[in-house]
C-alpha atoms as a PDB file:
ATOM      1  CA  UNK A   1    -176.800  54.364  95.538  1.00  0.00           C
ATOM      2  CA  UNK A   2    -180.224  54.941  95.400  1.00  0.00           C
ATOM      3  CA  UNK A   3    -182.236  58.894  94.888  1.00  0.00           C
ATOM      4  CA  UNK A   4    -185.293  58.250  95.548  1.00  0.00           C
ATOM      5  CA  UNK A   5    -187.708  61.304  95.015  1.00  0.00           C
ATOM      6  CA  UNK A   6    -190.904  61.754  96.852  1.00  0.00           C
ATOM      7  CA  UNK A   7    -193.856  62.960  95.302  1.00  0.00           C
ATOM      8  CA  UNK A   8    -196.758  62.555  94.092  1.00  0.00           C
ATOM      9  CA  UNK A   9    -196.437  63.478  90.416  1.00  0.00           C
ATOM     10  CA  UNK A  10    -196.538  67.637  90.588  1.00  0.00           C
ATOM     11  CA  UNK A  11    -194.274  69.540  88.127  1.00  0.00           C
ATOM     12  CA  UNK A  12    -192.373  70.239  90.398  1.00  0.00           C
ATOM     13  CA  UNK A  13    -191.738  66.737  91.342  1.00  0.00           C
ATOM     14  CA  UNK A  14    -191.160  66.021  87.594  1.00  0.00           C
ATOM     15  CA  UNK A  15    -187.941  68.309  87.166  1.00  0.00           C
ATOM     16  CA  UNK A  16    -186.560  67.285  90.424  1.00  0.00           C
ATOM     17  CA  UNK A  17    -186.598  63.647  88.776  1.00  0.00           C
ATOM     18  CA  UNK A  18    -184.935  65.238  85.637  1.00  0.00           C
ATOM     19  CA  UNK A  19    -182.736  67.528  87.763  1.00  0.00           C
ATOM     20  CA  UNK A  20    -181.514  64.480  89.598  1.00  0.00           C
ATOM     21  CA  UNK A  21    -180.833  62.204  86.354  1.00  0.00           C
ATOM     22  CA  UNK A  22    -178.520  65.807  84.772  1.00  0.00           C
ATOM     23  CA  UNK A  23    -176.846  65.260  88.049  1.00  0.00           C
ATOM     24  CA  UNK A  24    -175.955  61.898  87.961  1.00  0.00           C
ATOM     25  CA  UNK A  25    -175.549  62.055  83.956  1.00  0.00           C
ATOM     26  CA  UNK A  26    -172.666  65.101  85.104  1.00  0.00           C
ATOM     27  CA  UNK A  27    -170.911  63.273  87.560  1.00  0.00           C
ATOM     28  CA  UNK A  28    -170.613  59.883  85.157  1.00  0.00           C
ATOM     29  CA  UNK A  29    -171.901  57.226  88.295  1.00  0.00           C
ATOM     30  CA  UNK A  30    -173.937  54.967  88.374  1.00  0.00           C
ATOM     31  CA  UNK A  31    -176.772  55.593  90.573  1.00  0.00           C
ATOM     32  CA  UNK A  32    -180.460  54.063  91.228  1.00  0.00           C
ATOM     33  CA  UNK A  33    -183.483  56.764  90.355  1.00  0.00           C
ATOM     34  CA  UNK A  34    -186.526  55.883  92.262  1.00  0.00           C
ATOM     35  CA  UNK A  35    -190.126  57.503  92.025  1.00  0.00           C
ATOM     36  CA  UNK A  36    -191.431  57.415  95.288  1.00  0.00           C
ATOM     37  CA  UNK A  37    -195.372  58.591  94.512  1.00  0.00           C
ATOM     38  CA  UNK A  38    -197.442  57.170  97.294  1.00  0.00           C
ATOM     39  CA  UNK A  39    -198.827  59.111  99.998  1.00  0.00           C
ATOM     40  CA  UNK A  40    -198.156  56.291 103.117  1.00  0.00           C
ATOM     41  CA  UNK A  41    -194.768  55.603 101.666  1.00  0.00           C
ATOM     42  CA  UNK A  42    -193.718  59.753 101.159  1.00  0.00           C
ATOM     43  CA  UNK A  43    -195.035  59.625 104.570  1.00  0.00           C
ATOM     44  CA  UNK A  44    -193.137  56.648 105.952  1.00  0.00           C
ATOM     45  CA  UNK A  45    -190.044  59.026 105.160  1.00  0.00           C
ATOM     46  CA  UNK A  46    -191.405  61.602 107.430  1.00  0.00           C
ATOM     47  CA  UNK A  47    -192.402  64.237 104.242  1.00  0.00           C
ATOM     48  CA  UNK A  48    -195.056  66.321 105.111  1.00  0.00           C
ATOM     49  CA  UNK A  49    -193.962  68.621 101.896  1.00  0.00           C
ATOM     50  CA  UNK A  50    -192.747  67.996  98.351  1.00  0.00           C
ATOM     51  CA  UNK A  51    -190.942  67.216  96.066  1.00  0.00           C
ATOM     52  CA  UNK A  52    -188.402  65.791  98.110  1.00  0.00           C
ATOM     53  CA  UNK A  53    -185.144  63.864  97.987  1.00  0.00           C
ATOM     54  CA  UNK A  54    -183.840  60.929  99.656  1.00  0.00           C
ATOM     55  CA  UNK A  55    -180.182  59.465  98.519  1.00  0.00           C
ATOM     56  CA  UNK A  56    -179.778  55.844 100.259  1.00  0.00           C
ATOM     57  CA  UNK A  57    -183.200  56.207 102.258  1.00  0.00           C
ATOM     58  CA  UNK A  58    -182.245  59.016 104.118  1.00  0.00           C
ATOM     59  CA  UNK A  59    -184.109  62.354 103.034  1.00  0.00           C
ATOM     60  CA  UNK A  60    -182.171  65.435 102.222  1.00  0.00           C
ATOM     61  CA  UNK A  61    -184.708  68.064 100.943  1.00  0.00           C
ATOM     62  CA  UNK A  62    -188.220  68.489 101.611  1.00  0.00           C
ATOM     63  CA  UNK A  63    -190.211  71.175  99.463  1.00  0.00           C
ATOM     64  CA  UNK A  64    -187.244  72.505  97.506  1.00  0.00           C
ATOM     65  CA  UNK A  65    -186.406  71.905  93.826  1.00  0.00           C
ATOM     66  CA  UNK A  66    -182.868  71.140  94.064  1.00  0.00           C
ATOM     67  CA  UNK A  67    -181.177  72.329  90.637  1.00  0.00           C
ATOM     68  CA  UNK A  68    -178.744  69.934  89.403  1.00  0.00           C
ATOM     69  CA  UNK A  69    -175.345  71.186  91.120  1.00  0.00           C
ATOM     70  CA  UNK A  70    -177.684  71.158  94.801  1.00  0.00           C
ATOM     71  CA  UNK A  71    -177.710  67.370  93.903  1.00  0.00           C
ATOM     72  CA  UNK A  72    -174.662  67.267  92.742  1.00  0.00           C
ATOM     73  CA  UNK A  73    -173.268  68.508  96.228  1.00  0.00           C
ATOM     74  CA  UNK A  74    -175.155  66.150  97.739  1.00  0.00           C
ATOM     75  CA  UNK A  75    -173.584  63.269  95.818  1.00  0.00           C
ATOM     76  CA  UNK A  76    -169.940  63.821  95.926  1.00  0.00           C
END
C-alpha cells in the first residue's frame, strides 16, 4: 500500500504527513508514505487544492487536513 501526500510543503501538508505516519503506526500496517511536491505532479492527480491525500494512486481527500482517525478509516 502507498500513501501519497500532495502539497508543496505548507504547514498543513506537513501535518497531514505526520497524521498519515501516526495512522499507519497505530494500525500496525506496512505502508510507503511519499510526498508529492511538484505542482505538475499534483495537477496530474487532478488536485487543485492542497493538502491532498491519495491511497494507491487514488485521491481520497483534497483541501482538508485529515486527522489520524480519518486516515485510519480510509486505510481499513
